[in-house]
Amino acid sequence: MKILSHILSPLFALTFLLLLVIFHPLQWLGLKLFGYNGHKRVVDLLNFLLVKSLLILGITVRLKNEHTLPKDASLIFVSNHQSTFDIPPFGLFFRKHHPKFVSKIELGKGIPSVSFNLRHGGAALIDRKDAKQALSTLGRFSKNISKKKWGAIIFPEGTRSRNGKPKKFSTNGLKMITKYNPDGYIVPVTINNSWKVFKYGKYPLGLGSPITLTTHQPIKIDSMPFDELMKETEKAIITHIK
């Protein structure tokens, strides 16, 4: 299997990179010619192709959703974080909810397509070394999510888990978002197996481990105190990590 991975990994990496490079100017055109909706359609297509590109590695990606997600309300998708390949599935599967990421500011430059989308697509780019900037950015982001009834995506672990085991959840970002979205809902999501793409390290890539995103029962934000809300959210996510 590892020998095959040495053959398929470069092919996948080239495909993935080409998609990012090709869609960078397409995003610019979509935004300039058709505004937000034009840009979003380009990003939706990019996410679809990025997810499908994982088939080169024999990896399928699917969503398990047994719950009706509320409409006309801001949704805060809260999830564990295992790898880079968590991102495109969120953008693809929850595209109807206009998902916007809370991301570290370093990703806002230097990465084809990804940086452009973060800067122009409504994400919150947080400087972890500047508390004032982080709070201000999260505040504007949270108000925008509330006003437009968009979805927010936040990984409370703050950084990826290299072995699938969850790290301690941080409350700060989520507390700010819920403060400005009391009528919205938390949607806990558990990601499984995306860490296995890097089980050998950065190269070669792991083959054939299906990635799943599982949604859990949405929780009305103003239905309980924040500490209890955080506890219930973290419990729902962690207990379903395999």
Protein backbone atom coordinates (compact mmCIF):
# COMPACT_ATOMS: atom_id res chain seq x y z
CA MET A 1 0.00 0.00 0.00
CA LYS A 2 2.82 2.41 0.85
CA ILE A 3 4.50 1.71 -2.49
CA LEU A 4 1.27 2.59 -4.29
CA SER A 5 1.06 5.74 -2.19
CA HIS A 6 4.47 6.84 -3.51
CA ILE A 7 3.00 6.61 -7.01
CA LEU A 8 -0.35 8.28 -6.34
CA SER A 9 0.75 11.02 -3.92
CA PRO A 10 2.56 13.18 -6.53
CA LEU A 11 -0.41 12.85 -8.92
CA PHE A 12 -2.80 13.96 -6.21
CA ALA A 13 -0.56 16.83 -5.08
CA LEU A 14 -0.25 18.11 -8.65
CA THR A 15 -4.01 17.90 -9.21
CA PHE A 16 -4.76 19.65 -5.91
CA LEU A 17 -2.27 22.43 -6.61
CA LEU A 18 -3.47 22.94 -10.19
CA LEU A 19 -7.05 23.33 -8.97
CA LEU A 20 -5.97 26.02 -6.50
CA VAL A 21 -3.93 27.87 -9.13
CA ILE A 22 -6.62 27.69 -11.83
CA PHE A 23 -9.45 28.79 -9.55
CA HIS A 24 -7.57 31.76 -8.13
CA PRO A 25 -8.18 34.03 -11.17
CA LEU A 26 -11.64 32.48 -11.62
CA GLN A 27 -12.56 33.65 -8.13
CA TRP A 28 -11.33 37.14 -9.01
CA LEU A 29 -13.43 37.16 -12.17
CA GLY A 30 -16.49 35.84 -10.38
CA LEU A 31 -16.22 38.53 -7.72
CA LYS A 32 -15.52 41.41 -10.12
CA LEU A 33 -18.18 40.47 -12.68
CA PHE A 34 -20.97 39.04 -10.53
CA GLY A 35 -20.21 40.11 -6.96
CA TYR A 36 -20.68 37.89 -3.94
CA ASN A 37 -22.91 35.31 -5.65
CA GLY A 38 -20.52 34.93 -8.58
CA HIS A 39 -17.59 34.42 -6.25
CA LYS A 40 -19.51 31.91 -4.14
CA ARG A 41 -20.44 29.78 -7.14
CA VAL A 42 -16.80 29.55 -8.16
CA VAL A 43 -15.79 28.56 -4.63
CA ASP A 44 -18.57 25.96 -4.46
CA LEU A 45 -17.28 24.36 -7.66
CA LEU A 46 -13.70 24.46 -6.37
CA ASN A 47 -14.70 22.71 -3.15
CA PHE A 48 -16.53 20.04 -5.14
CA LEU A 49 -13.47 19.35 -7.29
CA LEU A 50 -11.08 19.39 -4.31
CA VAL A 51 -13.22 16.81 -2.52
CA LYS A 52 -13.43 14.65 -5.64
CA SER A 53 -9.67 14.89 -6.18
CA LEU A 54 -9.22 12.77 -3.04
CA LEU A 55 -10.52 9.83 -5.08
CA ILE A 56 -7.04 9.70 -6.61
CA LEU A 57 -5.94 8.47 -3.17
CA GLY A 58 -8.92 6.12 -2.94
CA ILE A 59 -10.51 8.40 -0.32
CA THR A 60 -14.25 9.06 -0.31
CA VAL A 61 -15.78 11.91 1.66
CA ARG A 62 -19.35 11.86 2.88
CA LEU A 63 -21.72 13.67 5.19
CA LYS A 64 -23.87 11.85 7.74
CA ASN A 65 -26.72 14.18 8.60
CA GLU A 66 -29.80 12.81 10.32
CA HIS A 67 -30.98 16.22 11.55
CA THR A 68 -32.91 19.04 9.92
CA LEU A 69 -30.72 22.12 10.03
CA PRO A 70 -32.68 25.29 10.83
CA LYS A 71 -33.28 27.75 8.00
CA ASP A 72 -33.30 31.55 8.20
CA ALA A 73 -31.02 31.47 11.21
CA SER A 74 -27.31 31.80 11.76
CA LEU A 75 -25.68 28.41 12.24
CA ILE A 76 -22.40 27.96 14.09
CA PHE A 77 -20.73 24.74 12.94
CA VAL A 78 -18.35 23.60 15.66
CA SER A 79 -16.00 20.73 14.89
CA ASN A 80 -12.85 18.88 15.80
CA HIS A 81 -9.97 19.50 13.38
CA GLN A 82 -7.79 16.74 11.91
CA SER A 83 -6.25 17.97 8.65
CA THR A 84 -6.23 20.40 5.75
CA PHE A 85 -8.79 18.16 4.09
CA ASP A 86 -11.46 19.10 6.64
CA ILE A 87 -11.94 22.43 4.88
CA PRO A 88 -13.32 21.65 1.37
CA PRO A 89 -16.01 19.23 2.67
CA PHE A 90 -17.39 21.90 5.00
CA GLY A 91 -17.55 24.35 2.13
CA LEU A 92 -19.21 21.78 -0.13
CA PHE A 93 -21.71 20.04 2.15
CA PHE A 94 -22.93 23.17 3.95
CA ARG A 95 -22.79 25.53 0.96
CA LYS A 96 -26.50 26.41 1.26
CA HIS A 97 -25.70 27.99 4.62
CA HIS A 98 -22.91 30.21 3.23
CA PRO A 99 -20.23 28.82 5.59
CA LYS A 100 -17.51 31.25 6.68
CA PHE A 101 -14.38 30.14 8.50
CA VAL A 102 -12.68 31.49 11.57
CA SER A 103 -9.04 31.16 10.53
CA LYS A 104 -5.58 32.26 11.57
CA ILE A 105 -4.42 35.41 9.81
CA GLU A 106 -1.37 33.70 8.28
CA LEU A 107 -3.63 31.82 5.84
CA GLY A 108 -4.85 35.11 4.39
CA LYS A 109 -1.87 35.42 2.08
CA GLY A 110 0.40 33.27 -0.05
CA ILE A 111 -1.92 30.32 -0.81
CA PRO A 112 -3.60 30.31 -4.25
CA SER A 113 -7.42 30.35 -4.07
CA VAL A 114 -7.47 29.70 -0.31
CA SER A 115 -6.09 33.11 0.70
CA PHE A 116 -8.27 34.95 -1.83
CA ASN A 117 -11.41 33.23 -0.57
CA LEU A 118 -10.58 33.94 3.07
CA ARG A 119 -9.90 37.61 2.38
CA HIS A 120 -12.90 38.25 0.12
CA GLY A 121 -15.42 35.58 1.08
CA GLY A 122 -16.39 36.77 4.56
CA ALA A 123 -14.01 34.80 6.81
CA ALA A 124 -12.58 36.02 10.11
CA LEU A 125 -8.78 36.20 9.94
CA ILE A 126 -7.50 36.16 13.51
CA ASP A 127 -4.08 37.26 14.70
CA ARG A 128 -3.41 35.01 17.68
CA LYS A 129 -0.63 37.29 18.85
CA ASP A 130 -2.86 40.38 18.93
CA ALA A 131 -5.80 39.99 21.31
CA LYS A 132 -7.27 43.38 20.38
CA GLN A 133 -7.27 42.56 16.67
CA ALA A 134 -8.73 39.11 17.32
CA LEU A 135 -11.61 40.42 19.43
CA SER A 136 -12.38 43.23 16.99
CA THR A 137 -12.33 40.91 13.98
CA LEU A 138 -14.47 38.28 15.69
CA GLY A 139 -16.96 40.94 16.74
CA ARG A 140 -17.43 42.23 13.17
CA PHE A 141 -17.57 38.68 11.85
CA SER A 142 -20.19 37.63 14.40
CA LYS A 143 -22.42 40.61 13.66
CA ASN A 144 -22.17 39.93 9.95
CA ILE A 145 -23.10 36.27 10.43
CA SER A 146 -26.12 37.34 12.47
CA LYS A 147 -27.24 39.99 10.00
CA LYS A 148 -26.98 37.82 6.90
CA LYS A 149 -28.03 34.53 8.53
CA TRP A 150 -24.85 32.85 7.32
CA GLY A 151 -23.03 29.87 8.78
CA ALA A 152 -19.81 30.17 10.76
CA ILE A 153 -17.26 27.36 11.03
CA ILE A 154 -14.93 27.24 13.99
CA PHE A 155 -12.46 24.62 15.19
CA PRO A 156 -12.13 25.24 18.97
CA GLU A 157 -9.02 23.06 19.18
CA GLY A 158 -7.23 25.90 17.40
CA THR A 159 -4.89 23.60 15.50
CA ARG A 160 -5.04 20.22 13.81
CA SER A 161 -4.87 16.95 15.70
CA ARG A 162 -2.11 14.88 14.12
CA ASN A 163 -3.40 11.53 15.36
CA GLY A 164 -7.16 12.03 15.55
CA LYS A 165 -7.22 12.47 19.32
CA PRO A 166 -9.02 15.71 20.20
CA LYS A 167 -7.17 18.54 21.87
CA LYS A 168 -8.60 20.81 24.52
CA PHE A 169 -11.37 23.06 23.20
CA SER A 170 -10.92 26.81 23.63
CA THR A 171 -14.00 28.84 24.52
CA ASN A 172 -12.96 32.35 23.50
CA GLY A 173 -13.88 32.44 19.83
CA LEU A 174 -17.13 30.55 20.21
CA LYS A 175 -18.19 32.70 23.15
CA MET A 176 -17.82 35.85 21.06
CA ILE A 177 -19.79 34.40 18.13
CA THR A 178 -22.65 33.17 20.32
CA LYS A 179 -22.83 36.52 22.07
CA TYR A 180 -23.90 38.19 18.82
CA ASN A 181 -26.04 35.27 17.62
CA PRO A 182 -28.36 34.43 20.53
CA ASP A 183 -31.15 33.41 18.14
CA GLY A 184 -28.87 31.11 16.16
CA TYR A 185 -27.92 27.47 16.60
CA ILE A 186 -24.78 25.52 17.37
CA VAL A 187 -24.36 22.55 15.03
CA PRO A 188 -21.77 20.12 16.46
CA VAL A 189 -19.90 18.20 13.77
CA THR A 190 -17.52 15.26 14.19
CA ILE A 191 -14.79 14.64 11.60
CA ASN A 192 -13.31 11.17 11.37
CA ASN A 193 -10.29 9.83 9.48
CA SER A 194 -9.02 12.95 7.72
CA TRP A 195 -5.86 12.77 9.87
CA LYS A 196 -5.04 9.44 8.21
CA VAL A 197 -4.18 11.24 4.97
CA PHE A 198 -1.00 12.28 6.81
CA LYS A 199 -0.45 9.12 8.84
CA TYR A 200 3.00 8.69 7.24
CA GLY A 201 3.81 12.39 7.58
CA LYS A 202 3.68 14.89 4.74
CA TYR A 203 4.83 12.26 2.24
CA PRO A 204 3.69 9.80 1.08
CA LEU A 205 -0.01 10.33 1.71
CA GLY A 206 -2.29 7.74 3.26
CA LEU A 207 -4.64 5.86 0.97
CA GLY A 208 -8.17 4.55 1.20
CA SER A 209 -9.44 5.84 4.56
CA PRO A 210 -12.95 7.27 4.04
CA ILE A 211 -13.50 10.69 5.61
CA THR A 212 -16.84 11.32 7.29
CA LEU A 213 -18.48 14.43 8.68
CA THR A 214 -21.29 13.65 11.13
CA THR A 215 -23.69 16.34 12.27
CA HIS A 216 -25.37 16.18 15.67
CA GLN A 217 -28.54 17.69 17.05
CA PRO A 218 -28.51 21.51 16.60
CA ILE A 219 -28.61 23.39 19.90
CA LYS A 220 -30.41 26.74 20.23
CA ILE A 221 -27.81 29.17 21.52
CA ASP A 222 -30.06 30.97 23.99
CA SER A 223 -31.52 27.72 25.35
CA MET A 224 -28.84 27.35 28.04
CA PRO A 225 -25.94 29.22 29.68
CA PHE A 226 -22.76 29.36 27.59
CA ASP A 227 -20.73 27.04 29.84
CA GLU A 228 -23.39 24.36 29.54
CA LEU A 229 -23.68 24.99 25.80
CA MET A 230 -19.93 24.53 25.39
CA LYS A 231 -19.97 21.35 27.47
CA GLU A 232 -22.81 19.80 25.47
CA THR A 233 -21.20 20.76 22.16
CA GLU A 234 -17.80 19.33 23.05
CA LYS A 235 -19.38 16.13 24.40
CA ALA A 236 -21.40 15.58 21.20
CA ILE A 237 -18.29 16.00 19.04
CA ILE A 238 -15.75 14.03 21.06
CA THR A 239 -17.93 11.01 21.88
CA HIS A 240 -18.29 10.26 18.16
CA ILE A 241 -14.59 10.41 17.27
CA LYS A 242 -13.48 6.91 16.26
